[in-house]
Protein backbone atom coordinates (compact mmCIF):
# COMPACT_ATOMS: atom_id res chain seq x y z
CA UNK A 1 -19.48 20.58 -0.42
CA UNK A 2 -18.60 16.88 -0.55
CA UNK A 3 -17.63 17.18 -4.23
CA UNK A 4 -15.36 20.06 -3.26
CA UNK A 5 -13.62 17.81 -0.75
CA UNK A 6 -13.03 15.28 -3.52
CA UNK A 7 -11.58 17.83 -5.95
CA UNK A 8 -9.39 19.37 -3.27
CA UNK A 9 -8.16 15.92 -2.26
CA UNK A 10 -7.04 15.05 -5.78
CA UNK A 11 -5.60 18.48 -6.59
CA UNK A 12 -3.30 18.57 -3.58
CA UNK A 13 -2.13 14.96 -3.84
CA UNK A 14 -1.97 14.09 -7.56
CA UNK A 15 1.67 15.25 -7.59
CA UNK A 16 2.77 11.98 -5.98
CA UNK A 17 1.50 9.99 -8.96
CA UNK A 18 3.04 12.45 -11.40
CA UNK A 19 6.42 12.06 -9.73
CA UNK A 20 6.06 8.29 -9.71
CA UNK A 21 5.38 7.99 -13.44
CA UNK A 22 8.62 9.88 -14.09
CA UNK A 23 10.56 7.36 -12.00
CA UNK A 24 9.42 4.24 -13.85
CA UNK A 25 12.05 4.57 -16.57
CA UNK A 26 14.73 4.70 -13.87
CA UNK A 27 13.31 1.55 -12.23
CA UNK A 28 13.75 -0.37 -15.47
CA UNK A 29 17.16 1.14 -16.22
CA UNK A 30 18.52 -0.02 -12.86
CA UNK A 31 17.75 -3.70 -13.54
CA UNK A 32 21.06 -5.42 -14.24
CA UNK A 33 22.41 -8.87 -15.03
CA UNK A 34 24.39 -8.73 -11.77
CA UNK A 35 21.06 -8.62 -9.90
CA UNK A 36 20.16 -11.89 -11.57
CA UNK A 37 23.45 -13.62 -10.82
CA UNK A 38 24.53 -12.25 -7.45
CA UNK A 39 21.32 -11.06 -5.74
CA UNK A 40 18.96 -13.99 -6.04
CA UNK A 41 17.23 -12.59 -9.09
CA UNK A 42 16.22 -15.99 -10.41
CA UNK A 43 14.83 -19.04 -8.64
CA UNK A 44 16.90 -21.96 -10.02
CA UNK A 45 14.41 -24.58 -8.86
CA UNK A 46 11.45 -22.86 -10.53
CA UNK A 47 13.49 -22.15 -13.65
CA UNK A 48 14.42 -25.82 -13.98
CA UNK A 49 10.89 -27.00 -13.20
CA UNK A 50 9.36 -24.71 -15.84
CA UNK A 51 11.94 -26.02 -18.34
CA UNK A 52 13.17 -22.58 -19.29
CA UNK A 53 15.47 -23.35 -22.20
CA UNK A 54 16.83 -20.13 -23.74
CA UNK A 55 18.78 -17.15 -22.47
CA UNK A 56 15.99 -14.91 -23.71
CA UNK A 57 13.42 -16.77 -21.63
CA UNK A 58 15.67 -16.41 -18.59
CA UNK A 59 16.07 -12.69 -19.26
CA UNK A 60 12.33 -12.16 -19.76
CA UNK A 61 11.38 -14.06 -16.60
CA UNK A 62 13.92 -12.13 -14.57
CA UNK A 63 13.13 -8.65 -15.91
CA UNK A 64 9.37 -8.94 -15.49
CA UNK A 65 9.74 -10.37 -12.00
CA UNK A 66 12.21 -7.70 -10.87
CA UNK A 67 10.19 -4.86 -12.41
CA UNK A 68 6.98 -6.00 -10.74
CA UNK A 69 8.70 -6.25 -7.36
CA UNK A 70 10.33 -2.81 -7.68
CA UNK A 71 7.11 -1.26 -8.92
CA UNK A 72 5.05 -2.68 -6.06
CA UNK A 73 7.53 -1.64 -3.38
CA UNK A 74 7.85 1.95 -4.55
CA UNK A 75 4.16 2.34 -5.37
CA UNK A 76 3.19 1.49 -1.80
CA UNK A 77 4.95 4.64 -0.61
CA UNK A 78 3.23 6.65 -3.34
CA UNK A 79 -0.21 5.48 -2.23
CA UNK A 80 0.57 6.30 1.39
CA UNK A 81 1.76 9.82 0.52
CA UNK A 82 -1.25 10.36 -1.75
CA UNK A 83 -3.76 9.41 0.95
CA UNK A 84 -1.94 11.47 3.58
CA UNK A 85 -2.20 14.65 1.51
CA UNK A 86 -5.63 13.79 0.17
CA UNK A 87 -7.07 13.41 3.67
CA UNK A 88 -5.08 16.36 5.08
CA UNK A 89 -3.23 14.10 7.49
CA UNK A 90 0.34 13.51 8.57
CA UNK A 91 2.40 10.35 8.31
CA UNK A 92 3.33 8.80 11.64
CA UNK A 93 7.00 8.56 10.66
CA UNK A 94 7.05 12.33 10.04
CA UNK A 95 5.98 13.29 13.57
CA UNK A 96 8.65 14.86 15.78
CA UNK A 97 8.29 12.13 18.39
CA UNK A 98 9.06 9.54 15.73
CA UNK A 99 12.37 10.92 14.51
CA UNK A 100 14.64 10.05 17.45
CA UNK A 101 15.63 6.78 19.03
CA UNK A 102 12.62 6.75 21.28
CA UNK A 103 9.58 5.83 19.24
CA UNK A 104 6.13 6.51 20.62
CA UNK A 105 3.15 4.24 19.99
CA UNK A 106 1.77 6.56 17.33
CA UNK A 107 4.83 6.06 15.09
CA UNK A 108 3.49 2.68 13.95
CA UNK A 109 0.56 4.28 12.19
CA UNK A 110 0.81 5.30 8.54
CA UNK A 111 -1.56 8.28 8.69
CA UNK A 112 -2.87 10.40 11.56
CA UNK A 113 -5.97 12.54 11.03
CA UNK A 114 -7.43 15.28 13.20
CA UNK A 115 -11.00 16.23 12.35
CA UNK A 116 -11.02 14.96 8.74
CA UNK A 117 -13.36 17.38 6.88
CA UNK A 118 -15.91 14.92 5.54
CA UNK A 119 -15.67 12.28 8.25
CA UNK A 120 -18.79 10.12 8.41
CA UNK A 121 -19.76 9.42 12.00
CA UNK A 122 -20.47 5.80 12.91
CA UNK A 123 -24.05 4.94 13.77
CA UNK A 124 -25.21 5.51 17.33
CA UNK A 125 -25.58 1.76 17.72
CA UNK A 126 -21.98 1.21 16.69
CA UNK A 127 -20.74 3.87 19.10
CA UNK A 128 -22.67 2.37 21.99
CA UNK A 129 -21.35 -1.13 21.23
CA UNK A 130 -17.81 -0.09 20.33
CA UNK A 131 -15.09 -1.65 22.50
CA UNK A 132 -12.64 1.12 21.60
CA UNK A 133 -12.74 3.77 24.31
CA UNK A 134 -12.16 6.53 21.77
CA UNK A 135 -15.52 5.83 20.11
CA UNK A 136 -17.30 7.35 23.10
CA UNK A 137 -15.57 10.68 22.47
CA UNK A 138 -17.69 11.01 19.34
CA UNK A 139 -20.77 11.63 21.47
CA UNK A 140 -19.40 14.67 23.34
CA UNK A 141 -20.53 18.19 22.48
CA UNK A 142 -16.93 19.32 21.98
CA UNK A 143 -16.32 16.48 19.60
CA UNK A 144 -12.78 16.10 18.24
CA UNK A 145 -12.31 13.30 15.76
CA UNK A 146 -8.86 11.76 16.09
CA UNK A 147 -8.08 8.91 13.72
CA UNK A 148 -5.12 6.61 13.09
CA UNK A 149 -5.02 4.75 9.81
CA UNK A 150 -2.94 1.74 8.80
CA UNK A 151 -2.70 1.55 5.01
CA UNK A 152 -2.08 -1.60 3.00
CA UNK A 153 -1.37 -0.60 -0.59
CA UNK A 154 -2.00 -4.05 -2.05
CA UNK A 155 -5.29 -5.86 -2.68
CA UNK A 156 -7.75 -6.86 0.02
CA UNK A 157 -6.13 -10.24 0.75
CA UNK A 158 -4.46 -9.41 4.08
CA UNK A 159 -3.82 -12.39 6.34
CA UNK A 160 -4.52 -13.02 10.02
CA UNK A 161 -1.06 -11.93 11.20
CA UNK A 162 -1.43 -8.50 9.58
CA UNK A 163 -4.85 -7.98 11.15
CA UNK A 164 -3.63 -9.07 14.58
CA UNK A 165 -0.72 -6.64 14.41
CA UNK A 166 -3.27 -3.94 13.59
CA UNK A 167 -5.46 -5.02 16.52
CA UNK A 168 -2.60 -4.87 19.03
CA UNK A 169 -1.66 -1.36 17.94
CA UNK A 170 -5.32 -0.37 17.77
CA UNK A 171 -5.77 -1.20 21.45
CA UNK A 172 -3.07 1.31 22.40
CA UNK A 173 -4.51 3.90 20.02
CA UNK A 174 -7.94 3.55 21.61
CA UNK A 175 -6.52 4.17 25.08
CA UNK A 176 -4.96 7.36 23.75
CA UNK A 177 -8.18 8.71 22.29
CA UNK A 178 -7.71 7.71 18.65
CA UNK A 179 -10.11 5.65 16.55
CA UNK A 180 -8.22 3.00 14.52
CA UNK A 181 -8.91 2.05 10.92
CA UNK A 182 -7.31 -0.50 8.62
CA UNK A 183 -7.42 0.67 5.00
CA UNK A 184 -6.96 -1.67 2.03
CA UNK A 185 -6.50 0.52 -1.01
CA UNK A 186 -8.16 -1.62 -3.66
CA UNK A 187 -10.58 -4.48 -4.04
CA UNK A 188 -14.32 -4.86 -3.54
CA UNK A 189 -14.36 -6.59 -0.15
CA UNK A 190 -11.80 -7.83 2.35
CA UNK A 191 -11.09 -11.53 2.55
CA UNK A 192 -13.16 -13.32 5.19
CA UNK A 193 -10.12 -14.08 7.35
CA UNK A 194 -9.59 -10.34 7.87
CA UNK A 195 -13.23 -9.81 8.79
CA UNK A 196 -13.44 -12.65 11.28
CA UNK A 197 -10.05 -11.90 12.87
CA UNK A 198 -10.97 -8.27 13.49
CA UNK A 199 -14.33 -9.24 14.96
CA UNK A 200 -13.30 -12.34 16.93
CA UNK A 201 -10.02 -12.13 18.82
CA UNK A 202 -8.90 -12.00 22.44
CA UNK A 203 -7.24 -8.55 22.33
CA UNK A 204 -9.76 -6.02 21.01
CA UNK A 205 -12.92 -6.86 19.12
CA UNK A 206 -13.70 -4.27 16.44
CA UNK A 207 -16.61 -4.12 14.04
CA UNK A 208 -15.11 -4.70 10.55
CA UNK A 209 -18.03 -2.90 8.91
CA UNK A 210 -16.68 0.29 10.53
CA UNK A 211 -12.96 -0.23 11.10
CA UNK A 212 -12.01 -2.18 7.95
CA UNK A 213 -12.16 0.02 4.85
CA UNK A 214 -11.64 -1.31 1.33
CA UNK A 215 -11.14 0.69 -1.86
CA UNK A 216 -13.82 3.33 -2.35
CA UNK A 217 -14.83 3.10 1.30
CA UNK A 218 -11.69 5.04 2.29
CA UNK A 219 -12.91 8.11 0.43
CA UNK A 220 -16.48 7.73 1.60
CA UNK A 221 -15.46 7.45 5.25
CA UNK A 222 -13.11 10.41 5.49
CA UNK A 223 -14.35 12.73 2.72
CA UNK A 224 -18.04 11.87 2.61
CA UNK A 225 -17.89 11.24 -1.14
CA UNK A 226 -16.62 8.51 -3.47
CA UNK A 227 -13.56 9.96 -5.25
CA UNK A 228 -12.47 6.72 -6.87
CA UNK A 229 -13.86 7.32 -10.37
CA UNK A 230 -12.63 10.92 -10.43
CA UNK A 231 -9.16 9.82 -9.35
CA UNK A 232 -8.95 7.05 -11.97
CA UNK A 233 -9.98 9.57 -14.63
CA UNK A 234 -7.25 11.99 -13.56
CA UNK A 235 -4.63 9.23 -13.46
CA UNK A 236 -5.46 8.17 -17.01
CA UNK A 237 -4.73 11.72 -18.18
CA UNK A 238 -1.26 11.83 -16.65
CA UNK A 239 1.46 11.34 -19.24
CA UNK A 240 2.16 7.62 -19.38
CA UNK A 241 5.27 5.60 -20.14
CA UNK A 242 5.62 2.90 -22.79
CA UNK A 243 6.76 0.34 -20.24
CA UNK A 244 6.49 -2.61 -22.62
CA UNK A 245 8.94 -1.02 -25.05
CA UNK A 246 11.34 -0.21 -22.20
CA UNK A 247 11.03 -3.73 -20.79
CA UNK A 248 11.61 -5.31 -24.19
CA UNK A 249 14.82 -3.32 -24.65
CA UNK A 250 15.95 -4.33 -21.17
CA UNK A 251 15.27 -8.01 -21.91
CA UNK A 252 17.38 -7.77 -25.06
CA UNK A 253 20.20 -6.16 -23.08
CA UNK A 254 20.10 -8.78 -20.32
CA UNK A 255 20.00 -11.57 -22.92
CA UNK A 256 23.06 -10.09 -24.62
CA UNK A 257 24.96 -9.82 -21.32
CA UNK A 258 24.09 -13.39 -20.38
CA UNK A 259 25.28 -14.56 -23.80
CA UNK A 260 28.70 -13.04 -23.18
CA UNK A 261 29.05 -14.89 -19.85
CA UNK A 262 27.33 -18.24 -20.38
CA UNK A 263 26.94 -20.83 -23.13
CA UNK A 264 23.53 -22.09 -22.03
CA UNK A 265 20.92 -22.18 -19.28
CA UNK A 266 22.68 -25.00 -17.43
CA UNK A 267 25.76 -22.81 -16.96
CA UNK A 268 23.58 -20.09 -15.43
CA UNK A 269 21.84 -22.46 -13.04
CA UNK A 270 25.15 -23.82 -11.83
CA UNK A 271 26.50 -20.34 -11.21
CA UNK A 272 23.63 -18.63 -9.42
CA UNK A 273 23.59 -20.90 -6.38
């Protein structure tokens, strides 16, 4: 049954990755020389320090930096939508109470889950020691598992401020009968600062071994099976994009546009700030 959960998860949510791969070409196409000149696309101090000498080097540095930023920003939304559908949840921002001017506490959370199908119950010892009131609801005969999940789509290097924001919102969630989890979508383990902050703070002490999920642990916790390898396999079979060819063409275009406007790198540095 657990394997079925994994297959169902991927089948109903793989569309978000398929749509994303189609948008990559547009991301590169939108990069323009005006972004470089008028929108802070190039750090003049770093460019001077690195002794960037040619217009091509300027173009390459700018294009790769802008593409990575655009890719990361848009991919975060993709990951969030994927996990929402995969775990049969709903995004907080999509709830009716989150669409008007008045925003309820639950709107902060990325994903809300009610009775996730493969949810792995915490140990009895964890439940008895848990400082979140909602943990005790897991011991009732008419058990209803209500979960709120904050998703960080980057690696497991979250800082103390991010964890403390999670903790403050987690305290409200606990009072409303929801068990809070912080999910970091890839990496092997969370950085120590995240672990110690979650465990040792003055607001709400949570056990990071239960409430801090990294990479594969997200699937194991809510589906009861590790879907990571299956998902990676499926992603590798989705039609890819030759991004390096597209980027190279964009670099050539930006270099050409810069050449029409400036004589050398010094002219660019004087103009962008």
